Amino acid sequence: MAETTDFNAQTIAEFRANHGQVGGNFAGAPLLLLHTVGARSGAARVNPMMYLPDEGRSLVFASKAGSDRNPDWYHNLLAHPEARIEIGDENLAVRAVELHGAERDAHFAEQARRYPGFAGYQRKTERIIPVIALIPVGGAAAPADRTEGSPS
């Protein structure tokens, strides 16, 4: 877990230092920082993740690299759907809504077409990888608290 925390902290720092751009595995990919509240702990969490822009929404994929369990941030959003994202230098308040059925399938297929690793993640697990729409809910959110790489 410390390795994931360190990786997240490094990615978050690079994201913020470079206006949302990072190198390594995320080089050239659309990346956002998702701020959630821990479902059980109530603690602030920040996770870097790829997203798919979709008509004003940001779609995120609870792949957890093909694990048989959903990532903690997914459970956090179910418990507390009001969240915040950073995209580039923007900081937005959002509401998380899980997509289902044909809408979920179409968006997951598009992400897998653009980034084939997502298709590989789905093949590694029997669970259906959730797709979450992060929908802006008004003006800019409060400035980021700069919590670095909290595991979710």
N, C-alpha and C. Protein backbone atom coordinates (compact mmCIF):
# COMPACT_ATOMS: atom_id res chain seq x y z
N MET A 1 0.83 -1.19 0.00
CA MET A 1 0.00 0.00 0.00
C MET A 1 0.87 1.25 0.00
N ALA A 2 2.00 1.23 0.71
CA ALA A 2 2.88 2.40 0.73
C ALA A 2 3.38 2.71 -0.67
N GLU A 3 3.63 1.66 -1.47
CA GLU A 3 4.09 1.86 -2.84
C GLU A 3 3.04 2.61 -3.65
N THR A 4 1.77 2.24 -3.51
CA THR A 4 0.68 2.93 -4.20
C THR A 4 0.58 4.37 -3.72
N THR A 5 0.69 4.58 -2.41
CA THR A 5 0.62 5.93 -1.85
C THR A 5 1.75 6.79 -2.41
N ASP A 6 2.97 6.25 -2.46
CA ASP A 6 4.10 6.99 -3.00
C ASP A 6 3.89 7.32 -4.47
N PHE A 7 3.42 6.33 -5.25
CA PHE A 7 3.16 6.55 -6.66
C PHE A 7 2.11 7.64 -6.85
N ASN A 8 1.02 7.55 -6.08
CA ASN A 8 -0.04 8.56 -6.18
C ASN A 8 0.50 9.94 -5.80
N ALA A 9 1.27 10.03 -4.72
CA ALA A 9 1.81 11.32 -4.28
C ALA A 9 2.71 11.92 -5.36
N GLN A 10 3.54 11.11 -5.97
CA GLN A 10 4.42 11.59 -7.04
C GLN A 10 3.61 12.05 -8.25
N THR A 11 2.61 11.27 -8.62
CA THR A 11 1.77 11.61 -9.77
C THR A 11 0.99 12.90 -9.50
N ILE A 12 0.45 13.05 -8.29
CA ILE A 12 -0.30 14.25 -7.92
C ILE A 12 0.62 15.48 -7.98
N ALA A 13 1.81 15.36 -7.43
CA ALA A 13 2.75 16.49 -7.44
C ALA A 13 3.12 16.88 -8.87
N GLU A 14 3.39 15.89 -9.71
CA GLU A 14 3.73 16.16 -11.11
C GLU A 14 2.55 16.79 -11.84
N PHE A 15 1.36 16.28 -11.60
CA PHE A 15 0.14 16.81 -12.21
C PHE A 15 0.00 18.30 -11.90
N ARG A 16 0.13 18.63 -10.63
CA ARG A 16 -0.06 20.02 -10.21
C ARG A 16 1.06 20.93 -10.68
N ALA A 17 2.27 20.42 -10.74
CA ALA A 17 3.41 21.23 -11.18
C ALA A 17 3.37 21.51 -12.68
N ASN A 18 2.68 20.65 -13.43
CA ASN A 18 2.68 20.73 -14.90
C ASN A 18 1.30 20.94 -15.48
N HIS A 19 0.41 21.59 -14.73
CA HIS A 19 -0.92 21.97 -15.22
C HIS A 19 -1.71 20.77 -15.76
N GLY A 20 -1.59 19.64 -15.05
CA GLY A 20 -2.38 18.47 -15.40
C GLY A 20 -1.69 17.47 -16.31
N GLN A 21 -0.44 17.73 -16.68
CA GLN A 21 0.30 16.81 -17.54
C GLN A 21 1.30 16.02 -16.72
N VAL A 22 1.41 14.74 -17.02
CA VAL A 22 2.39 13.89 -16.34
C VAL A 22 3.06 12.99 -17.36
N GLY A 23 4.16 12.39 -16.96
CA GLY A 23 4.87 11.45 -17.82
C GLY A 23 4.58 10.02 -17.40
N GLY A 24 5.51 9.14 -17.71
CA GLY A 24 5.38 7.74 -17.31
C GLY A 24 4.19 7.06 -17.96
N ASN A 25 3.52 6.20 -17.21
CA ASN A 25 2.39 5.43 -17.74
C ASN A 25 1.23 6.31 -18.19
N PHE A 26 1.13 7.54 -17.65
CA PHE A 26 0.02 8.42 -17.98
C PHE A 26 0.38 9.45 -19.06
N ALA A 27 1.58 9.41 -19.61
CA ALA A 27 2.01 10.41 -20.59
C ALA A 27 1.01 10.49 -21.74
N GLY A 28 0.50 11.69 -21.99
CA GLY A 28 -0.41 11.92 -23.10
C GLY A 28 -1.86 11.52 -22.85
N ALA A 29 -2.12 10.87 -21.73
CA ALA A 29 -3.49 10.42 -21.43
C ALA A 29 -4.23 11.50 -20.65
N PRO A 30 -5.55 11.61 -20.85
CA PRO A 30 -6.33 12.54 -20.04
C PRO A 30 -6.35 12.06 -18.59
N LEU A 31 -5.93 12.94 -17.70
CA LEU A 31 -5.79 12.58 -16.30
C LEU A 31 -6.51 13.61 -15.45
N LEU A 32 -7.15 13.15 -14.38
CA LEU A 32 -7.74 14.05 -13.40
C LEU A 32 -7.36 13.58 -12.01
N LEU A 33 -7.55 14.47 -11.05
CA LEU A 33 -7.41 14.12 -9.64
C LEU A 33 -8.80 14.10 -9.05
N LEU A 34 -9.18 12.97 -8.49
CA LEU A 34 -10.49 12.80 -7.87
C LEU A 34 -10.36 12.95 -6.36
N HIS A 35 -11.08 13.89 -5.80
CA HIS A 35 -11.12 14.11 -4.35
C HIS A 35 -12.41 13.49 -3.82
N THR A 36 -12.27 12.54 -2.92
CA THR A 36 -13.43 11.88 -2.31
C THR A 36 -13.30 11.96 -0.79
N VAL A 37 -14.36 11.51 -0.14
CA VAL A 37 -14.39 11.37 1.32
C VAL A 37 -14.50 9.88 1.60
N GLY A 38 -13.65 9.37 2.46
CA GLY A 38 -13.64 7.94 2.78
C GLY A 38 -15.01 7.47 3.26
N ALA A 39 -15.48 6.38 2.70
CA ALA A 39 -16.81 5.86 3.03
C ALA A 39 -16.92 5.51 4.51
N ARG A 40 -15.89 4.91 5.07
CA ARG A 40 -15.91 4.53 6.49
C ARG A 40 -15.18 5.54 7.37
N SER A 41 -14.06 6.04 6.88
CA SER A 41 -13.21 6.89 7.72
C SER A 41 -13.65 8.35 7.74
N GLY A 42 -14.28 8.80 6.65
CA GLY A 42 -14.61 10.21 6.54
C GLY A 42 -13.41 11.08 6.20
N ALA A 43 -12.26 10.46 5.96
CA ALA A 43 -11.03 11.19 5.64
C ALA A 43 -11.00 11.62 4.18
N ALA A 44 -10.33 12.73 3.92
CA ALA A 44 -10.15 13.22 2.54
C ALA A 44 -9.20 12.28 1.80
N ARG A 45 -9.55 11.98 0.56
CA ARG A 45 -8.74 11.11 -0.29
C ARG A 45 -8.55 11.79 -1.65
N VAL A 46 -7.40 11.54 -2.27
CA VAL A 46 -7.13 12.07 -3.61
C VAL A 46 -6.54 10.93 -4.43
N ASN A 47 -7.12 10.70 -5.61
CA ASN A 47 -6.63 9.65 -6.51
C ASN A 47 -6.45 10.20 -7.91
N PRO A 48 -5.27 10.00 -8.50
CA PRO A 48 -5.11 10.32 -9.92
C PRO A 48 -5.70 9.20 -10.75
N MET A 49 -6.36 9.57 -11.85
CA MET A 49 -6.91 8.54 -12.72
C MET A 49 -7.18 9.07 -14.12
N MET A 50 -7.17 8.15 -15.06
CA MET A 50 -7.54 8.51 -16.43
C MET A 50 -9.04 8.73 -16.48
N TYR A 51 -9.45 9.56 -17.45
CA TYR A 51 -10.87 9.80 -17.63
C TYR A 51 -11.17 9.95 -19.11
N LEU A 52 -12.45 9.87 -19.41
CA LEU A 52 -12.94 10.05 -20.77
C LEU A 52 -13.87 11.25 -20.76
N PRO A 53 -13.51 12.34 -21.45
CA PRO A 53 -14.43 13.48 -21.52
C PRO A 53 -15.68 13.09 -22.30
N ASP A 54 -16.84 13.53 -21.81
CA ASP A 54 -18.10 13.16 -22.46
C ASP A 54 -19.14 14.27 -22.25
N GLU A 55 -19.25 15.16 -23.22
CA GLU A 55 -20.28 16.20 -23.22
C GLU A 55 -20.40 16.92 -21.88
N GLY A 56 -19.28 17.42 -21.38
CA GLY A 56 -19.28 18.17 -20.13
C GLY A 56 -19.07 17.33 -18.89
N ARG A 57 -19.19 16.02 -19.04
CA ARG A 57 -18.95 15.12 -17.91
C ARG A 57 -17.54 14.54 -18.05
N SER A 58 -17.06 14.00 -16.96
CA SER A 58 -15.80 13.25 -16.96
C SER A 58 -16.14 11.84 -16.51
N LEU A 59 -15.85 10.86 -17.36
CA LEU A 59 -16.16 9.47 -17.04
C LEU A 59 -14.91 8.79 -16.50
N VAL A 60 -15.05 8.11 -15.38
CA VAL A 60 -13.94 7.37 -14.79
C VAL A 60 -14.34 5.90 -14.66
N PHE A 61 -13.33 5.05 -14.62
CA PHE A 61 -13.52 3.62 -14.74
C PHE A 61 -12.90 2.92 -13.53
N ALA A 62 -13.71 2.20 -12.79
CA ALA A 62 -13.27 1.56 -11.55
C ALA A 62 -12.60 0.22 -11.84
N SER A 63 -11.52 0.27 -12.60
CA SER A 63 -10.87 -0.95 -13.07
C SER A 63 -10.01 -1.62 -12.01
N LYS A 64 -9.33 -0.85 -11.19
CA LYS A 64 -8.36 -1.36 -10.22
C LYS A 64 -7.45 -2.39 -10.89
N ALA A 65 -7.03 -2.06 -12.13
CA ALA A 65 -6.12 -2.89 -12.92
C ALA A 65 -6.60 -4.32 -13.09
N GLY A 66 -7.92 -4.52 -13.10
CA GLY A 66 -8.48 -5.86 -13.32
C GLY A 66 -8.63 -6.68 -12.06
N SER A 67 -8.49 -6.07 -10.91
CA SER A 67 -8.69 -6.77 -9.64
C SER A 67 -10.13 -7.27 -9.55
N ASP A 68 -10.33 -8.28 -8.72
CA ASP A 68 -11.68 -8.78 -8.52
C ASP A 68 -12.50 -7.92 -7.56
N ARG A 69 -11.89 -6.87 -7.03
CA ARG A 69 -12.59 -5.94 -6.12
C ARG A 69 -12.58 -4.55 -6.73
N ASN A 70 -13.64 -3.82 -6.49
CA ASN A 70 -13.69 -2.43 -6.92
C ASN A 70 -12.71 -1.60 -6.08
N PRO A 71 -12.18 -0.52 -6.65
CA PRO A 71 -11.27 0.34 -5.88
C PRO A 71 -12.02 1.06 -4.76
N ASP A 72 -11.29 1.45 -3.74
CA ASP A 72 -11.89 2.14 -2.60
C ASP A 72 -12.57 3.43 -3.02
N TRP A 73 -12.00 4.15 -4.00
CA TRP A 73 -12.61 5.42 -4.40
C TRP A 73 -14.03 5.20 -4.93
N TYR A 74 -14.28 4.06 -5.53
CA TYR A 74 -15.63 3.74 -6.03
C TYR A 74 -16.61 3.67 -4.85
N HIS A 75 -16.22 2.96 -3.80
CA HIS A 75 -17.08 2.85 -2.61
C HIS A 75 -17.25 4.22 -1.95
N ASN A 76 -16.19 5.02 -1.96
CA ASN A 76 -16.28 6.37 -1.41
C ASN A 76 -17.33 7.19 -2.15
N LEU A 77 -17.34 7.08 -3.49
CA LEU A 77 -18.32 7.84 -4.28
C LEU A 77 -19.75 7.34 -4.07
N LEU A 78 -19.92 6.05 -3.87
CA LEU A 78 -21.26 5.53 -3.59
C LEU A 78 -21.77 6.10 -2.27
N ALA A 79 -20.89 6.18 -1.28
CA ALA A 79 -21.28 6.69 0.03
C ALA A 79 -21.43 8.20 0.05
N HIS A 80 -20.58 8.89 -0.71
CA HIS A 80 -20.55 10.36 -0.74
C HIS A 80 -20.40 10.82 -2.19
N PRO A 81 -21.49 10.87 -2.96
CA PRO A 81 -21.39 11.19 -4.39
C PRO A 81 -20.98 12.62 -4.70
N GLU A 82 -21.06 13.52 -3.74
CA GLU A 82 -20.57 14.88 -3.96
C GLU A 82 -19.06 14.84 -3.81
N ALA A 83 -18.35 15.23 -4.86
CA ALA A 83 -16.90 15.13 -4.87
C ALA A 83 -16.31 16.35 -5.56
N ARG A 84 -15.02 16.27 -5.79
CA ARG A 84 -14.32 17.36 -6.45
C ARG A 84 -13.28 16.76 -7.38
N ILE A 85 -13.04 17.42 -8.50
CA ILE A 85 -12.00 16.98 -9.41
C ILE A 85 -11.11 18.15 -9.79
N GLU A 86 -9.87 17.81 -10.09
CA GLU A 86 -8.94 18.75 -10.70
C GLU A 86 -8.64 18.22 -12.10
N ILE A 87 -8.84 19.08 -13.08
CA ILE A 87 -8.46 18.77 -14.46
C ILE A 87 -7.61 19.95 -14.92
N GLY A 88 -6.34 19.68 -15.24
CA GLY A 88 -5.44 20.78 -15.55
C GLY A 88 -5.37 21.70 -14.34
N ASP A 89 -5.65 22.98 -14.55
CA ASP A 89 -5.65 23.94 -13.45
C ASP A 89 -7.06 24.21 -12.93
N GLU A 90 -8.07 23.50 -13.48
CA GLU A 90 -9.46 23.68 -13.04
C GLU A 90 -9.76 22.82 -11.83
N ASN A 91 -10.62 23.34 -10.98
CA ASN A 91 -11.05 22.64 -9.78
C ASN A 91 -12.58 22.71 -9.77
N LEU A 92 -13.23 21.54 -9.93
CA LEU A 92 -14.68 21.52 -10.12
C LEU A 92 -15.39 20.67 -9.07
N ALA A 93 -16.52 21.16 -8.59
CA ALA A 93 -17.41 20.36 -7.77
C ALA A 93 -18.20 19.46 -8.73
N VAL A 94 -18.35 18.19 -8.36
CA VAL A 94 -19.06 17.23 -9.21
C VAL A 94 -19.97 16.35 -8.37
N ARG A 95 -20.90 15.73 -9.06
CA ARG A 95 -21.75 14.69 -8.46
C ARG A 95 -21.51 13.41 -9.26
N ALA A 96 -21.25 12.32 -8.55
CA ALA A 96 -20.96 11.04 -9.19
C ALA A 96 -22.24 10.27 -9.43
N VAL A 97 -22.39 9.77 -10.65
CA VAL A 97 -23.55 8.95 -11.03
C VAL A 97 -23.02 7.73 -11.78
N GLU A 98 -23.36 6.54 -11.30
CA GLU A 98 -22.92 5.33 -11.97
C GLU A 98 -23.75 5.09 -13.22
N LEU A 99 -23.07 4.72 -14.32
CA LEU A 99 -23.76 4.41 -15.57
C LEU A 99 -24.05 2.92 -15.61
N HIS A 100 -25.15 2.55 -16.26
CA HIS A 100 -25.56 1.15 -16.33
C HIS A 100 -25.97 0.79 -17.76
N GLY A 101 -26.06 -0.51 -18.01
CA GLY A 101 -26.61 -1.02 -19.26
C GLY A 101 -25.85 -0.56 -20.49
N ALA A 102 -26.61 -0.26 -21.54
CA ALA A 102 -26.02 0.10 -22.83
C ALA A 102 -25.16 1.35 -22.73
N GLU A 103 -25.56 2.31 -21.91
CA GLU A 103 -24.75 3.53 -21.77
C GLU A 103 -23.39 3.18 -21.16
N ARG A 104 -23.38 2.39 -20.11
CA ARG A 104 -22.11 1.97 -19.49
C ARG A 104 -21.26 1.22 -20.51
N ASP A 105 -21.89 0.26 -21.18
CA ASP A 105 -21.16 -0.58 -22.12
C ASP A 105 -20.53 0.23 -23.25
N ALA A 106 -21.27 1.18 -23.80
CA ALA A 106 -20.75 2.00 -24.91
C ALA A 106 -19.55 2.83 -24.46
N HIS A 107 -19.63 3.42 -23.29
CA HIS A 107 -18.53 4.26 -22.81
C HIS A 107 -17.32 3.42 -22.42
N PHE A 108 -17.55 2.25 -21.83
CA PHE A 108 -16.41 1.39 -21.50
C PHE A 108 -15.74 0.92 -22.80
N ALA A 109 -16.53 0.56 -23.79
CA ALA A 109 -15.97 0.11 -25.07
C ALA A 109 -15.14 1.22 -25.72
N GLU A 110 -15.60 2.46 -25.63
CA GLU A 110 -14.84 3.58 -26.20
C GLU A 110 -13.52 3.77 -25.46
N GLN A 111 -13.53 3.68 -24.14
CA GLN A 111 -12.29 3.81 -23.37
C GLN A 111 -11.34 2.68 -23.71
N ALA A 112 -11.85 1.45 -23.84
CA ALA A 112 -11.01 0.31 -24.19
C ALA A 112 -10.47 0.43 -25.61
N ARG A 113 -11.23 1.04 -26.51
CA ARG A 113 -10.74 1.27 -27.87
C ARG A 113 -9.57 2.26 -27.84
N ARG A 114 -9.72 3.35 -27.08
CA ARG A 114 -8.67 4.37 -26.99
C ARG A 114 -7.46 3.88 -26.20
N TYR A 115 -7.72 3.12 -25.15
CA TYR A 115 -6.66 2.64 -24.24
C TYR A 115 -6.88 1.16 -24.00
N PRO A 116 -6.29 0.29 -24.86
CA PRO A 116 -6.56 -1.14 -24.81
C PRO A 116 -6.29 -1.80 -23.46
N GLY A 117 -5.51 -1.18 -22.60
CA GLY A 117 -5.29 -1.75 -21.27
C GLY A 117 -6.58 -1.95 -20.51
N PHE A 118 -7.58 -1.11 -20.77
CA PHE A 118 -8.87 -1.26 -20.08
C PHE A 118 -9.58 -2.54 -20.50
N ALA A 119 -9.45 -2.92 -21.76
CA ALA A 119 -10.03 -4.20 -22.20
C ALA A 119 -9.33 -5.35 -21.48
N GLY A 120 -8.01 -5.23 -21.32
CA GLY A 120 -7.26 -6.24 -20.59
C GLY A 120 -7.69 -6.34 -19.14
N TYR A 121 -7.97 -5.18 -18.52
CA TYR A 121 -8.45 -5.20 -17.13
C TYR A 121 -9.77 -5.95 -17.03
N GLN A 122 -10.68 -5.72 -17.99
CA GLN A 122 -11.98 -6.40 -17.94
C GLN A 122 -11.81 -7.90 -18.12
N ARG A 123 -10.87 -8.31 -18.98
CA ARG A 123 -10.64 -9.74 -19.19
C ARG A 123 -10.09 -10.43 -17.94
N LYS A 124 -9.40 -9.67 -17.08
CA LYS A 124 -8.78 -10.25 -15.88
C LYS A 124 -9.77 -10.51 -14.75
N THR A 125 -10.99 -9.99 -14.85
CA THR A 125 -11.93 -10.13 -13.74
C THR A 125 -13.31 -10.54 -14.24
N GLU A 126 -14.07 -11.17 -13.37
CA GLU A 126 -15.44 -11.54 -13.72
C GLU A 126 -16.42 -10.42 -13.41
N ARG A 127 -16.02 -9.46 -12.58
CA ARG A 127 -16.93 -8.35 -12.27
C ARG A 127 -17.01 -7.41 -13.47
N ILE A 128 -18.13 -6.74 -13.60
CA ILE A 128 -18.29 -5.71 -14.62
C ILE A 128 -17.66 -4.43 -14.06
N ILE A 129 -16.67 -3.89 -14.73
CA ILE A 129 -15.99 -2.69 -14.25
C ILE A 129 -16.95 -1.51 -14.32
N PRO A 130 -17.22 -0.89 -13.17
CA PRO A 130 -18.14 0.25 -13.15
C PRO A 130 -17.60 1.46 -13.90
N VAL A 131 -18.52 2.20 -14.51
CA VAL A 131 -18.22 3.48 -15.16
C VAL A 131 -19.01 4.54 -14.39
N ILE A 132 -18.31 5.57 -13.96
CA ILE A 132 -18.91 6.63 -13.17
C ILE A 132 -18.81 7.95 -13.93
N ALA A 133 -19.93 8.63 -14.07
CA ALA A 133 -19.95 9.97 -14.65
C ALA A 133 -19.79 10.98 -13.53
N LEU A 134 -18.81 11.86 -13.68
CA LEU A 134 -18.60 12.96 -12.74
C LEU A 134 -19.17 14.20 -13.40
N ILE A 135 -20.28 14.68 -12.86
CA ILE A 135 -21.07 15.74 -13.50
C ILE A 135 -20.88 17.03 -12.72
N PRO A 136 -20.38 18.09 -13.39
CA PRO A 136 -20.20 19.37 -12.69
C PRO A 136 -21.52 19.86 -12.10
N VAL A 137 -21.46 20.45 -10.90
CA VAL A 137 -22.66 20.90 -10.20
C VAL A 137 -22.63 22.39 -9.91
N GLY A 138 -22.13 23.17 -10.83
CA GLY A 138 -22.12 24.62 -10.62
C GLY A 138 -20.76 25.18 -10.88
N GLY A 139 -20.44 26.22 -10.15
CA GLY A 139 -19.17 26.91 -10.33
C GLY A 139 -17.99 26.10 -9.84
N ALA A 140 -16.86 26.75 -9.80
CA ALA A 140 -15.63 26.10 -9.36
C ALA A 140 -15.75 25.69 -7.89
N ALA A 141 -15.09 24.63 -7.54
CA ALA A 141 -15.07 24.15 -6.16
C ALA A 141 -14.08 24.97 -5.36
N ALA A 142 -14.09 24.76 -4.08
CA ALA A 142 -13.09 25.38 -3.22
C ALA A 142 -11.71 24.91 -3.65
N PRO A 143 -10.68 25.71 -3.43
CA PRO A 143 -9.34 25.29 -3.83
C PRO A 143 -8.97 23.94 -3.23
N ALA A 144 -8.15 23.21 -3.96
CA ALA A 144 -7.72 21.90 -3.50
C ALA A 144 -6.96 22.04 -2.20
N ASP A 145 -7.15 21.07 -1.30
CA ASP A 145 -6.47 21.12 0.00
C ASP A 145 -5.03 20.63 -0.09
N ARG A 146 -4.65 20.13 -1.22
CA ARG A 146 -3.30 19.67 -1.49
C ARG A 146 -2.89 18.44 -0.68
N THR A 147 -3.89 17.66 -0.24
CA THR A 147 -3.60 16.40 0.42
C THR A 147 -2.93 15.51 -0.61
N GLU A 148 -1.79 15.00 -0.29
CA GLU A 148 -1.00 14.26 -1.27
C GLU A 148 -1.21 12.76 -1.19
N GLY A 149 -1.75 12.20 -2.27
CA GLY A 149 -1.77 10.76 -2.49
C GLY A 149 -2.37 9.91 -1.42
N SER A 150 -3.42 10.35 -0.81
CA SER A 150 -4.07 9.53 0.21
C SER A 150 -4.62 8.27 -0.42
N PRO A 151 -4.34 7.12 0.13
CA PRO A 151 -4.93 5.90 -0.43
C PRO A 151 -6.45 5.95 -0.19
N SER A 152 -7.17 5.32 -1.08
CA SER A 152 -8.63 5.37 -0.91
C SER A 152 -9.16 4.09 -0.39
